[in-house]
Amino acid sequence: MIAFLHGELARIGDDSVIIDVNGVGYEVKVSLETISELASEGTGNEVTVHTYTYLREDQIALYGFLTADDLALFKMLITVSGIGPKGGLALLSGCNADELRFAILTGDVKTIQKAPGIGKRTAERVILELRDKLSRAMGARVDELLSHGVSGDDLGAGAGAGAQQESDAADAADALVALGYSRQEALQAVRQTGLTEDTEKILREALRYL
């Protein structure tokens, strides 16, 4: 079993990369998020990719991840009934790993459905089978992830969104907590509105999801 590869990024494809390790090129299947991150580094640079080796009678494939935590999440995803390595990679292509963890923990079906080929029932099954397992695996990091869940990126703000937009979304979530909803419920509801400006409007829309 190959635990990780360290070598030169030789080529970037549509759904895989080739890493040159001492003259041997390894093809590694990666998510769209990983391709985007590696593309920003450019070919010719040294990279380290944590790998999962998939073995079948007629196939050997390597699936790669930039961090050990992301690999652990992938291994968890493929334990869900009906989701194999391709499905696990698709889930990590719909959003980044932390966004996916947040969506699972808060029951955000819509975000999980962004993954290619993942329907509502599959998204609900991922949440049902992994929420408790993920919470136990993350331990104290769950609170950290949830407490930082309201940010411009998490709530749909673009790269040019200002601090005021993030503040409006965070204020709306705080208002929901003050009304008696849990932090998880508040973050999920605010995120589902897709809004980032005007605290009152975000709050009004979020309440429809609660």
N, C-alpha and C. Protein backbone atom coordinates (compact mmCIF):
# COMPACT_ATOMS: atom_id res chain seq x y z
N MET A 1 0.85 -1.20 0.00
CA MET A 1 0.00 0.00 0.00
C MET A 1 0.88 1.25 0.00
N ILE A 2 0.52 2.22 -0.83
CA ILE A 2 1.28 3.47 -0.92
C ILE A 2 0.60 4.52 -0.04
N ALA A 3 1.29 4.97 1.00
CA ALA A 3 0.70 5.92 1.94
C ALA A 3 0.74 7.35 1.41
N PHE A 4 1.83 7.71 0.74
CA PHE A 4 1.93 9.05 0.15
C PHE A 4 2.98 9.04 -0.94
N LEU A 5 2.93 10.06 -1.78
CA LEU A 5 3.92 10.26 -2.83
C LEU A 5 4.53 11.64 -2.67
N HIS A 6 5.83 11.72 -2.83
CA HIS A 6 6.52 13.01 -2.81
C HIS A 6 7.41 13.09 -4.04
N GLY A 7 7.13 14.05 -4.87
CA GLY A 7 7.92 14.17 -6.08
C GLY A 7 7.53 15.40 -6.88
N GLU A 8 7.94 15.43 -8.14
CA GLU A 8 7.67 16.58 -9.00
C GLU A 8 6.31 16.44 -9.67
N LEU A 9 5.55 17.51 -9.63
CA LEU A 9 4.26 17.54 -10.33
C LEU A 9 4.55 17.63 -11.82
N ALA A 10 4.36 16.51 -12.52
CA ALA A 10 4.75 16.45 -13.93
C ALA A 10 3.63 16.88 -14.87
N ARG A 11 2.39 16.55 -14.53
CA ARG A 11 1.29 16.87 -15.43
C ARG A 11 -0.01 17.02 -14.64
N ILE A 12 -0.88 17.90 -15.11
CA ILE A 12 -2.19 18.10 -14.51
C ILE A 12 -3.26 17.81 -15.55
N GLY A 13 -4.12 16.84 -15.29
CA GLY A 13 -5.19 16.49 -16.22
C GLY A 13 -6.53 17.02 -15.73
N ASP A 14 -7.61 16.52 -16.35
CA ASP A 14 -8.95 16.97 -15.97
C ASP A 14 -9.37 16.42 -14.61
N ASP A 15 -8.98 15.19 -14.31
CA ASP A 15 -9.39 14.59 -13.04
C ASP A 15 -8.25 13.82 -12.37
N SER A 16 -7.03 14.07 -12.82
CA SER A 16 -5.89 13.37 -12.24
C SER A 16 -4.61 14.18 -12.46
N VAL A 17 -3.58 13.80 -11.73
CA VAL A 17 -2.26 14.41 -11.92
C VAL A 17 -1.24 13.30 -12.03
N ILE A 18 -0.10 13.61 -12.59
CA ILE A 18 1.01 12.66 -12.64
C ILE A 18 2.15 13.23 -11.83
N ILE A 19 2.63 12.42 -10.89
CA ILE A 19 3.73 12.82 -10.03
C ILE A 19 4.95 11.97 -10.33
N ASP A 20 6.03 12.65 -10.65
CA ASP A 20 7.29 11.98 -10.98
C ASP A 20 8.07 11.76 -9.69
N VAL A 21 8.17 10.48 -9.30
CA VAL A 21 8.92 10.13 -8.10
C VAL A 21 10.16 9.35 -8.54
N ASN A 22 11.30 10.03 -8.53
CA ASN A 22 12.57 9.41 -8.93
C ASN A 22 12.48 8.75 -10.30
N GLY A 23 11.85 9.45 -11.25
CA GLY A 23 11.80 8.95 -12.61
C GLY A 23 10.63 8.04 -12.93
N VAL A 24 9.80 7.75 -11.95
CA VAL A 24 8.60 6.93 -12.16
C VAL A 24 7.38 7.83 -12.05
N GLY A 25 6.53 7.84 -13.09
CA GLY A 25 5.35 8.69 -13.07
C GLY A 25 4.14 7.96 -12.53
N TYR A 26 3.58 8.46 -11.45
CA TYR A 26 2.39 7.87 -10.83
C TYR A 26 1.17 8.72 -11.19
N GLU A 27 0.15 8.07 -11.78
CA GLU A 27 -1.09 8.78 -12.05
C GLU A 27 -1.97 8.71 -10.81
N VAL A 28 -2.41 9.87 -10.34
CA VAL A 28 -3.20 9.94 -9.11
C VAL A 28 -4.51 10.67 -9.40
N LYS A 29 -5.62 10.04 -9.10
CA LYS A 29 -6.92 10.68 -9.28
C LYS A 29 -7.17 11.63 -8.12
N VAL A 30 -7.58 12.84 -8.45
CA VAL A 30 -7.79 13.86 -7.41
C VAL A 30 -9.09 14.61 -7.67
N SER A 31 -9.55 15.32 -6.65
CA SER A 31 -10.78 16.12 -6.78
C SER A 31 -10.52 17.38 -7.57
N LEU A 32 -11.59 18.02 -8.01
CA LEU A 32 -11.47 19.29 -8.73
C LEU A 32 -10.85 20.36 -7.84
N GLU A 33 -11.16 20.32 -6.54
CA GLU A 33 -10.57 21.26 -5.60
C GLU A 33 -9.05 21.09 -5.54
N THR A 34 -8.60 19.83 -5.52
CA THR A 34 -7.17 19.56 -5.46
C THR A 34 -6.48 19.98 -6.74
N ILE A 35 -7.12 19.71 -7.88
CA ILE A 35 -6.54 20.14 -9.16
C ILE A 35 -6.36 21.65 -9.18
N SER A 36 -7.35 22.37 -8.68
CA SER A 36 -7.28 23.82 -8.65
C SER A 36 -6.11 24.30 -7.80
N GLU A 37 -5.93 23.65 -6.64
CA GLU A 37 -4.84 24.05 -5.75
C GLU A 37 -3.47 23.72 -6.35
N LEU A 38 -3.37 22.54 -6.97
CA LEU A 38 -2.10 22.15 -7.56
C LEU A 38 -1.78 22.99 -8.80
N ALA A 39 -2.82 23.36 -9.54
CA ALA A 39 -2.62 24.19 -10.73
C ALA A 39 -2.03 25.54 -10.36
N SER A 40 -2.40 26.04 -9.19
CA SER A 40 -1.87 27.33 -8.75
C SER A 40 -0.38 27.24 -8.44
N GLU A 41 0.06 26.01 -8.08
CA GLU A 41 1.49 25.80 -7.82
C GLU A 41 2.26 25.68 -9.13
N GLY A 42 1.63 25.01 -10.12
CA GLY A 42 2.27 24.84 -11.42
C GLY A 42 3.10 23.57 -11.50
N THR A 43 3.23 23.03 -12.71
CA THR A 43 4.04 21.83 -12.90
C THR A 43 5.51 22.16 -12.69
N GLY A 44 6.25 21.12 -12.33
CA GLY A 44 7.68 21.30 -12.09
C GLY A 44 8.03 21.49 -10.64
N ASN A 45 7.03 21.77 -9.82
CA ASN A 45 7.27 21.95 -8.39
C ASN A 45 7.11 20.63 -7.65
N GLU A 46 7.77 20.55 -6.49
CA GLU A 46 7.63 19.35 -5.67
C GLU A 46 6.36 19.40 -4.85
N VAL A 47 5.68 18.27 -4.79
CA VAL A 47 4.43 18.19 -4.03
C VAL A 47 4.42 16.89 -3.23
N THR A 48 3.60 16.89 -2.19
CA THR A 48 3.36 15.67 -1.42
C THR A 48 1.87 15.39 -1.45
N VAL A 49 1.50 14.18 -1.82
CA VAL A 49 0.10 13.81 -1.93
C VAL A 49 -0.14 12.55 -1.10
N HIS A 50 -1.06 12.62 -0.17
CA HIS A 50 -1.46 11.45 0.63
C HIS A 50 -2.39 10.60 -0.23
N THR A 51 -2.17 9.30 -0.24
CA THR A 51 -2.88 8.46 -1.21
C THR A 51 -3.68 7.33 -0.58
N TYR A 52 -4.73 6.97 -1.32
CA TYR A 52 -5.54 5.79 -1.01
C TYR A 52 -5.40 4.85 -2.21
N THR A 53 -5.02 3.62 -1.96
CA THR A 53 -4.82 2.65 -3.03
C THR A 53 -6.08 1.80 -3.19
N TYR A 54 -6.65 1.84 -4.38
CA TYR A 54 -7.88 1.09 -4.68
C TYR A 54 -7.51 -0.11 -5.54
N LEU A 55 -7.80 -1.30 -5.04
CA LEU A 55 -7.43 -2.53 -5.73
C LEU A 55 -8.66 -3.34 -6.12
N ARG A 56 -8.70 -3.72 -7.40
CA ARG A 56 -9.69 -4.66 -7.90
C ARG A 56 -8.97 -5.63 -8.82
N GLU A 57 -9.66 -6.71 -9.18
CA GLU A 57 -9.02 -7.70 -10.04
C GLU A 57 -8.55 -7.09 -11.36
N ASP A 58 -9.33 -6.12 -11.86
CA ASP A 58 -9.02 -5.55 -13.17
C ASP A 58 -8.53 -4.10 -13.10
N GLN A 59 -8.25 -3.62 -11.89
CA GLN A 59 -7.88 -2.20 -11.78
C GLN A 59 -7.08 -1.91 -10.52
N ILE A 60 -6.07 -1.07 -10.67
CA ILE A 60 -5.36 -0.49 -9.52
C ILE A 60 -5.37 1.02 -9.73
N ALA A 61 -5.86 1.75 -8.75
CA ALA A 61 -5.94 3.20 -8.89
C ALA A 61 -5.49 3.88 -7.60
N LEU A 62 -4.85 5.02 -7.75
CA LEU A 62 -4.44 5.83 -6.62
C LEU A 62 -5.31 7.08 -6.55
N TYR A 63 -5.81 7.38 -5.36
CA TYR A 63 -6.59 8.60 -5.13
C TYR A 63 -5.78 9.47 -4.19
N GLY A 64 -5.60 10.74 -4.55
CA GLY A 64 -4.69 11.59 -3.79
C GLY A 64 -5.34 12.78 -3.12
N PHE A 65 -4.72 13.21 -2.00
CA PHE A 65 -5.24 14.31 -1.18
C PHE A 65 -4.07 15.10 -0.62
N LEU A 66 -4.28 16.39 -0.47
CA LEU A 66 -3.19 17.26 -0.04
C LEU A 66 -2.90 17.18 1.45
N THR A 67 -3.88 16.72 2.25
CA THR A 67 -3.65 16.58 3.69
C THR A 67 -4.13 15.21 4.17
N ALA A 68 -3.56 14.77 5.28
CA ALA A 68 -3.97 13.50 5.87
C ALA A 68 -5.42 13.58 6.35
N ASP A 69 -5.86 14.76 6.79
CA ASP A 69 -7.24 14.92 7.24
C ASP A 69 -8.23 14.72 6.08
N ASP A 70 -7.86 15.24 4.90
CA ASP A 70 -8.73 15.08 3.75
C ASP A 70 -8.79 13.61 3.32
N LEU A 71 -7.68 12.92 3.42
CA LEU A 71 -7.68 11.48 3.13
C LEU A 71 -8.57 10.74 4.11
N ALA A 72 -8.50 11.12 5.38
CA ALA A 72 -9.34 10.47 6.40
C ALA A 72 -10.82 10.70 6.10
N LEU A 73 -11.17 11.90 5.64
CA LEU A 73 -12.56 12.20 5.29
C LEU A 73 -12.99 11.34 4.10
N PHE A 74 -12.13 11.21 3.11
CA PHE A 74 -12.42 10.37 1.94
C PHE A 74 -12.69 8.92 2.37
N LYS A 75 -11.83 8.40 3.24
CA LYS A 75 -12.02 7.03 3.72
C LYS A 75 -13.35 6.87 4.43
N MET A 76 -13.76 7.92 5.12
CA MET A 76 -15.05 7.89 5.80
C MET A 76 -16.20 7.92 4.79
N LEU A 77 -16.06 8.75 3.76
CA LEU A 77 -17.10 8.87 2.75
C LEU A 77 -17.37 7.56 2.03
N ILE A 78 -16.31 6.81 1.74
CA ILE A 78 -16.51 5.58 0.97
C ILE A 78 -17.06 4.44 1.82
N THR A 79 -17.27 4.68 3.12
CA THR A 79 -17.97 3.68 3.94
C THR A 79 -19.47 3.80 3.80
N VAL A 80 -19.94 4.92 3.25
CA VAL A 80 -21.38 5.13 3.07
C VAL A 80 -21.88 4.19 1.99
N SER A 81 -22.99 3.52 2.25
CA SER A 81 -23.52 2.56 1.30
C SER A 81 -23.82 3.23 -0.05
N GLY A 82 -23.31 2.63 -1.11
CA GLY A 82 -23.56 3.14 -2.45
C GLY A 82 -22.55 4.16 -2.94
N ILE A 83 -21.58 4.51 -2.09
CA ILE A 83 -20.56 5.49 -2.50
C ILE A 83 -19.19 4.81 -2.52
N GLY A 84 -18.63 4.71 -3.72
CA GLY A 84 -17.29 4.16 -3.86
C GLY A 84 -16.28 5.28 -3.96
N PRO A 85 -15.05 4.95 -4.35
CA PRO A 85 -14.01 5.97 -4.47
C PRO A 85 -14.39 7.10 -5.42
N LYS A 86 -15.02 6.79 -6.56
CA LYS A 86 -15.41 7.84 -7.49
C LYS A 86 -16.44 8.78 -6.85
N GLY A 87 -17.38 8.22 -6.11
CA GLY A 87 -18.38 9.03 -5.42
C GLY A 87 -17.76 9.88 -4.33
N GLY A 88 -16.79 9.30 -3.61
CA GLY A 88 -16.11 10.05 -2.56
C GLY A 88 -15.36 11.23 -3.13
N LEU A 89 -14.71 11.01 -4.28
CA LEU A 89 -13.98 12.09 -4.93
C LEU A 89 -14.93 13.15 -5.46
N ALA A 90 -16.09 12.70 -5.96
CA ALA A 90 -17.09 13.65 -6.46
C ALA A 90 -17.58 14.56 -5.33
N LEU A 91 -17.78 13.98 -4.15
CA LEU A 91 -18.23 14.78 -3.01
C LEU A 91 -17.20 15.84 -2.63
N LEU A 92 -15.94 15.50 -2.77
CA LEU A 92 -14.88 16.45 -2.45
C LEU A 92 -14.61 17.40 -3.61
N SER A 93 -15.31 17.20 -4.72
CA SER A 93 -15.19 18.13 -5.85
C SER A 93 -16.29 19.18 -5.81
N GLY A 94 -17.39 18.88 -5.08
CA GLY A 94 -18.49 19.83 -4.99
C GLY A 94 -18.18 21.00 -4.08
N CYS A 95 -17.31 20.79 -3.11
CA CYS A 95 -16.89 21.84 -2.18
C CYS A 95 -15.61 21.37 -1.52
N ASN A 96 -14.93 22.27 -0.81
CA ASN A 96 -13.70 21.83 -0.16
C ASN A 96 -14.01 20.98 1.07
N ALA A 97 -12.98 20.36 1.61
CA ALA A 97 -13.18 19.38 2.68
C ALA A 97 -13.85 19.97 3.91
N ASP A 98 -13.44 21.17 4.33
CA ASP A 98 -14.05 21.78 5.51
C ASP A 98 -15.51 22.14 5.27
N GLU A 99 -15.82 22.61 4.06
CA GLU A 99 -17.21 22.91 3.73
C GLU A 99 -18.05 21.64 3.75
N LEU A 100 -17.48 20.54 3.29
CA LEU A 100 -18.21 19.27 3.30
C LEU A 100 -18.42 18.79 4.73
N ARG A 101 -17.38 18.90 5.56
CA ARG A 101 -17.53 18.52 6.97
C ARG A 101 -18.63 19.36 7.63
N PHE A 102 -18.60 20.66 7.37
CA PHE A 102 -19.60 21.57 7.94
C PHE A 102 -21.00 21.17 7.48
N ALA A 103 -21.13 20.85 6.19
CA ALA A 103 -22.44 20.48 5.65
C ALA A 103 -22.96 19.19 6.28
N ILE A 104 -22.08 18.22 6.49
CA ILE A 104 -22.49 16.96 7.12
C ILE A 104 -22.93 17.19 8.55
N LEU A 105 -22.14 17.96 9.29
CA LEU A 105 -22.43 18.20 10.71
C LEU A 105 -23.70 19.00 10.92
N THR A 106 -24.03 19.88 9.97
CA THR A 106 -25.22 20.73 10.11
C THR A 106 -26.41 20.25 9.30
N GLY A 107 -26.25 19.10 8.62
CA GLY A 107 -27.36 18.55 7.84
C GLY A 107 -27.71 19.36 6.61
N ASP A 108 -26.73 19.98 6.00
CA ASP A 108 -26.95 20.84 4.84
C ASP A 108 -26.96 20.01 3.55
N VAL A 109 -28.13 19.51 3.20
CA VAL A 109 -28.30 18.64 2.03
C VAL A 109 -27.94 19.36 0.74
N LYS A 110 -28.34 20.62 0.62
CA LYS A 110 -28.14 21.37 -0.62
C LYS A 110 -26.66 21.51 -0.98
N THR A 111 -25.83 21.76 0.01
CA THR A 111 -24.41 21.89 -0.27
C THR A 111 -23.81 20.57 -0.74
N ILE A 112 -24.21 19.48 -0.11
CA ILE A 112 -23.69 18.17 -0.50
C ILE A 112 -24.14 17.81 -1.91
N GLN A 113 -25.34 18.25 -2.28
CA GLN A 113 -25.86 17.99 -3.62
C GLN A 113 -25.11 18.72 -4.73
N LYS A 114 -24.25 19.66 -4.37
CA LYS A 114 -23.46 20.36 -5.38
C LYS A 114 -22.48 19.42 -6.06
N ALA A 115 -22.16 18.31 -5.41
CA ALA A 115 -21.20 17.36 -5.96
C ALA A 115 -21.77 16.71 -7.22
N PRO A 116 -20.96 16.53 -8.24
CA PRO A 116 -21.42 15.90 -9.49
C PRO A 116 -22.00 14.51 -9.25
N GLY A 117 -23.22 14.29 -9.72
CA GLY A 117 -23.84 12.97 -9.63
C GLY A 117 -24.43 12.62 -8.28
N ILE A 118 -24.45 13.56 -7.34
CA ILE A 118 -24.98 13.29 -6.00
C ILE A 118 -26.38 13.89 -5.88
N GLY A 119 -27.37 13.03 -5.71
CA GLY A 119 -28.75 13.48 -5.57
C GLY A 119 -29.14 13.69 -4.12
N LYS A 120 -30.39 14.08 -3.93
CA LYS A 120 -30.87 14.40 -2.58
C LYS A 120 -30.82 13.19 -1.65
N ARG A 121 -31.26 12.04 -2.14
CA ARG A 121 -31.28 10.85 -1.28
C ARG A 121 -29.87 10.44 -0.86
N THR A 122 -28.94 10.52 -1.79
CA THR A 122 -27.56 10.17 -1.45
C THR A 122 -27.00 11.16 -0.45
N ALA A 123 -27.28 12.45 -0.65
CA ALA A 123 -26.81 13.47 0.29
C ALA A 123 -27.37 13.23 1.68
N GLU A 124 -28.64 12.88 1.76
CA GLU A 124 -29.27 12.60 3.05
C GLU A 124 -28.65 11.37 3.70
N ARG A 125 -28.30 10.38 2.88
CA ARG A 125 -27.67 9.16 3.41
C ARG A 125 -26.28 9.47 3.96
N VAL A 126 -25.54 10.34 3.28
CA VAL A 126 -24.21 10.75 3.77
C VAL A 126 -24.33 11.39 5.15
N ILE A 127 -25.30 12.27 5.29
CA ILE A 127 -25.51 12.95 6.58
C ILE A 127 -25.91 11.94 7.65
N LEU A 128 -26.85 11.08 7.32
CA LEU A 128 -27.36 10.11 8.29
C LEU A 128 -26.27 9.17 8.79
N GLU A 129 -25.44 8.68 7.85
CA GLU A 129 -24.44 7.68 8.22
C GLU A 129 -23.15 8.27 8.79
N LEU A 130 -22.88 9.55 8.49
CA LEU A 130 -21.58 10.09 8.89
C LEU A 130 -21.60 11.18 9.96
N ARG A 131 -22.76 11.78 10.23
CA ARG A 131 -22.76 12.92 11.15
C ARG A 131 -22.15 12.56 12.51
N ASP A 132 -22.65 11.51 13.12
CA ASP A 132 -22.14 11.12 14.44
C ASP A 132 -20.71 10.62 14.36
N LYS A 133 -20.42 9.85 13.31
CA LYS A 133 -19.08 9.30 13.14
C LYS A 133 -18.06 10.43 12.95
N LEU A 134 -18.42 11.41 12.14
CA LEU A 134 -17.53 12.55 11.90
C LEU A 134 -17.34 13.37 13.16
N SER A 135 -18.41 13.57 13.90
CA SER A 135 -18.34 14.35 15.15
C SER A 135 -17.39 13.69 16.14
N ARG A 136 -17.48 12.37 16.26
CA ARG A 136 -16.59 11.65 17.18
C ARG A 136 -15.14 11.71 16.71
N ALA A 137 -14.94 11.58 15.41
CA ALA A 137 -13.58 11.58 14.86
C ALA A 137 -12.91 12.95 15.02
N MET A 138 -13.69 14.02 14.90
CA MET A 138 -13.12 15.36 14.98
C MET A 138 -12.92 15.83 16.42
N GLY A 139 -13.69 15.31 17.34
CA GLY A 139 -13.55 15.69 18.74
C GLY A 139 -13.76 17.17 18.96
N ALA A 140 -12.79 17.81 19.62
CA ALA A 140 -12.90 19.23 19.95
C ALA A 140 -12.90 20.12 18.72
N ARG A 141 -12.41 19.61 17.59
CA ARG A 141 -12.36 20.41 16.37
C ARG A 141 -13.75 20.71 15.81
N VAL A 142 -14.75 19.95 16.26
CA VAL A 142 -16.12 20.20 15.80
C VAL A 142 -16.56 21.60 16.20
N ASP A 143 -16.34 21.95 17.47
CA ASP A 143 -16.74 23.27 17.95
C ASP A 143 -16.01 24.37 17.20
N GLU A 144 -14.74 24.13 16.90
CA GLU A 144 -13.95 25.14 16.17
C GLU A 144 -14.51 25.34 14.77
N LEU A 145 -14.83 24.24 14.09
CA LEU A 145 -15.36 24.32 12.75
C LEU A 145 -16.71 25.03 12.73
N LEU A 146 -17.57 24.68 13.66
CA LEU A 146 -18.90 25.27 13.70
C LEU A 146 -18.86 26.74 14.12
N SER A 147 -17.95 27.07 15.03
CA SER A 147 -17.87 28.46 15.49
C SER A 147 -17.32 29.38 14.41
N HIS A 148 -16.58 28.81 13.46
CA HIS A 148 -16.04 29.61 12.37
C HIS A 148 -16.79 29.35 11.07
N GLY A 149 -17.95 28.74 11.20
CA GLY A 149 -18.69 28.36 10.00
C GLY A 149 -19.29 29.52 9.24
N VAL A 150 -19.52 30.65 9.90
CA VAL A 150 -20.08 31.80 9.22
C VAL A 150 -18.95 32.67 8.73
N SER A 151 -18.68 32.57 7.44
CA SER A 151 -17.67 33.41 6.81
C SER A 151 -18.13 33.70 5.41
N GLY A 152 -17.50 34.64 4.78
CA GLY A 152 -17.90 35.01 3.43
C GLY A 152 -17.91 33.82 2.50
N ASP A 153 -16.86 32.98 2.54
CA ASP A 153 -16.79 31.84 1.64
C ASP A 153 -17.86 30.82 1.98
N ASP A 154 -18.02 30.49 3.27
CA ASP A 154 -18.97 29.47 3.66
C ASP A 154 -20.40 29.85 3.33
N LEU A 155 -20.71 31.15 3.38
CA LEU A 155 -22.09 31.58 3.17
C LEU A 155 -22.34 32.08 1.77
N GLY A 156 -21.38 31.84 0.89
CA GLY A 156 -21.61 32.15 -0.51
C GLY A 156 -21.10 33.48 -0.97
N ALA A 157 -20.37 34.22 -0.14
CA ALA A 157 -19.85 35.50 -0.58
C ALA A 157 -18.70 35.27 -1.52
N GLY A 158 -18.58 36.10 -2.53
CA GLY A 158 -17.51 35.96 -3.50
C GLY A 158 -16.23 36.56 -2.96
N ALA A 159 -15.18 36.47 -3.76
CA ALA A 159 -13.87 36.94 -3.31
C ALA A 159 -13.88 38.43 -3.05
N GLY A 160 -14.79 39.17 -3.71
CA GLY A 160 -14.80 40.60 -3.54
C GLY A 160 -15.75 41.07 -2.45
N ALA A 161 -16.37 40.17 -1.75
CA ALA A 161 -17.32 40.55 -0.71
C ALA A 161 -16.58 41.24 0.43
N GLY A 162 -17.19 42.28 0.97
CA GLY A 162 -16.54 43.04 2.01
C GLY A 162 -16.82 42.51 3.40
N ALA A 163 -16.12 43.10 4.37
CA ALA A 163 -16.29 42.68 5.76
C ALA A 163 -17.70 42.91 6.24
N GLN A 164 -18.38 43.93 5.70
CA GLN A 164 -19.73 44.22 6.14
C GLN A 164 -20.68 43.08 5.81
N GLN A 165 -20.48 42.45 4.64
CA GLN A 165 -21.32 41.32 4.25
C GLN A 165 -21.15 40.17 5.22
N GLU A 166 -19.89 39.86 5.57
CA GLU A 166 -19.64 38.78 6.51
C GLU A 166 -20.24 39.13 7.87
N SER A 167 -20.15 40.40 8.26
CA SER A 167 -20.69 40.82 9.54
C SER A 167 -22.20 40.68 9.57
N ASP A 168 -22.88 41.04 8.48
CA ASP A 168 -24.33 40.92 8.41
C ASP A 168 -24.76 39.46 8.59
N ALA A 169 -24.07 38.54 7.91
CA ALA A 169 -24.40 37.12 8.01
C ALA A 169 -24.16 36.61 9.43
N ALA A 170 -23.03 37.00 10.02
CA ALA A 170 -22.71 36.58 11.38
C ALA A 170 -23.70 37.16 12.38
N ASP A 171 -24.12 38.41 12.18
CA ASP A 171 -25.09 39.04 13.08
C ASP A 171 -26.43 38.32 13.02
N ALA A 172 -26.82 37.90 11.82
CA ALA A 172 -28.08 37.18 11.66
C ALA A 172 -28.03 35.84 12.40
N ALA A 173 -26.90 35.15 12.29
CA ALA A 173 -26.73 33.87 13.00
C ALA A 173 -26.77 34.09 14.51
N ASP A 174 -26.13 35.14 14.99
CA ASP A 174 -26.14 35.46 16.43
C ASP A 174 -27.56 35.75 16.90
N ALA A 175 -28.34 36.43 16.07
CA ALA A 175 -29.72 36.76 16.43
C ALA A 175 -30.56 35.49 16.56
N LEU A 176 -30.32 34.52 15.69
CA LEU A 176 -31.05 33.25 15.77
C LEU A 176 -30.69 32.49 17.04
N VAL A 177 -29.43 32.53 17.40
CA VAL A 177 -29.01 31.88 18.64
C VAL A 177 -29.69 32.54 19.83
N ALA A 178 -29.80 33.87 19.80
CA ALA A 178 -30.46 34.61 20.87
C ALA A 178 -31.94 34.25 20.96
N LEU A 179 -32.51 33.83 19.83
CA LEU A 179 -33.92 33.43 19.81
C LEU A 179 -34.13 32.01 20.34
N GLY A 180 -33.02 31.33 20.63
CA GLY A 180 -33.14 29.99 21.22
C GLY A 180 -32.71 28.84 20.33
N TYR A 181 -32.31 29.14 19.09
CA TYR A 181 -31.85 28.08 18.20
C TYR A 181 -30.39 27.75 18.52
N SER A 182 -30.00 26.52 18.22
CA SER A 182 -28.62 26.12 18.46
C SER A 182 -27.72 26.80 17.43
N ARG A 183 -26.41 26.86 17.75
CA ARG A 183 -25.47 27.47 16.81
C ARG A 183 -25.48 26.72 15.47
N GLN A 184 -25.55 25.39 15.54
CA GLN A 184 -25.57 24.61 14.30
C GLN A 184 -26.79 24.94 13.46
N GLU A 185 -27.96 25.01 14.10
CA GLU A 185 -29.19 25.34 13.37
C GLU A 185 -29.11 26.73 12.75
N ALA A 186 -28.56 27.66 13.51
CA ALA A 186 -28.45 29.04 13.02
C ALA A 186 -27.52 29.14 11.82
N LEU A 187 -26.36 28.51 11.91
CA LEU A 187 -25.41 28.57 10.81
C LEU A 187 -25.97 27.93 9.55
N GLN A 188 -26.64 26.81 9.73
CA GLN A 188 -27.22 26.12 8.57
C GLN A 188 -28.30 26.97 7.91
N ALA A 189 -29.17 27.55 8.71
CA ALA A 189 -30.26 28.36 8.16
C ALA A 189 -29.74 29.59 7.42
N VAL A 190 -28.76 30.26 8.01
CA VAL A 190 -28.18 31.45 7.36
C VAL A 190 -27.51 31.07 6.05
N ARG A 191 -26.80 29.97 6.07
CA ARG A 191 -26.13 29.52 4.85
C ARG A 191 -27.13 29.19 3.75
N GLN A 192 -28.24 28.56 4.12
CA GLN A 192 -29.23 28.15 3.12
C GLN A 192 -29.92 29.34 2.45
N THR A 193 -29.90 30.50 3.07
CA THR A 193 -30.52 31.66 2.43
C THR A 193 -29.73 32.11 1.20
N GLY A 194 -28.42 31.86 1.21
CA GLY A 194 -27.59 32.30 0.10
C GLY A 194 -27.33 33.80 0.12
N LEU A 195 -27.77 34.49 1.19
CA LEU A 195 -27.63 35.94 1.29
C LEU A 195 -26.44 36.30 2.17
N THR A 196 -25.85 37.46 1.91
CA THR A 196 -24.72 37.92 2.73
C THR A 196 -24.86 39.38 3.16
N GLU A 197 -25.89 40.06 2.67
CA GLU A 197 -26.07 41.48 3.01
C GLU A 197 -27.44 41.71 3.63
N ASP A 198 -27.50 42.71 4.52
CA ASP A 198 -28.73 43.12 5.18
C ASP A 198 -29.16 42.10 6.24
N THR A 199 -28.72 42.34 7.47
CA THR A 199 -28.98 41.41 8.58
C THR A 199 -30.45 41.07 8.72
N GLU A 200 -31.32 42.09 8.65
CA GLU A 200 -32.75 41.86 8.83
C GLU A 200 -33.31 40.94 7.74
N LYS A 201 -32.88 41.15 6.52
CA LYS A 201 -33.36 40.31 5.42
C LYS A 201 -32.86 38.88 5.56
N ILE A 202 -31.59 38.72 5.93
CA ILE A 202 -31.03 37.38 6.13
C ILE A 202 -31.79 36.66 7.23
N LEU A 203 -32.05 37.37 8.33
CA LEU A 203 -32.74 36.79 9.46
C LEU A 203 -34.14 36.35 9.07
N ARG A 204 -34.83 37.20 8.33
CA ARG A 204 -36.20 36.89 7.89
C ARG A 204 -36.23 35.63 7.02
N GLU A 205 -35.29 35.55 6.10
CA GLU A 205 -35.23 34.39 5.21
C GLU A 205 -34.81 33.13 5.96
N ALA A 206 -33.86 33.28 6.89
CA ALA A 206 -33.35 32.12 7.65
C ALA A 206 -34.45 31.49 8.50
N LEU A 207 -35.32 32.31 9.02
CA LEU A 207 -36.39 31.79 9.85
C LEU A 207 -37.33 30.86 9.08
N ARG A 208 -37.37 31.02 7.77
CA ARG A 208 -38.22 30.14 6.96
C ARG A 208 -37.69 28.71 6.93
N TYR A 209 -36.40 28.55 7.21
CA TYR A 209 -35.78 27.22 7.20
C TYR A 209 -35.83 26.56 8.57
N LEU A 210 -36.31 27.27 9.54
CA LEU A 210 -36.28 26.75 10.93
C LEU A 210 -37.68 26.39 11.41
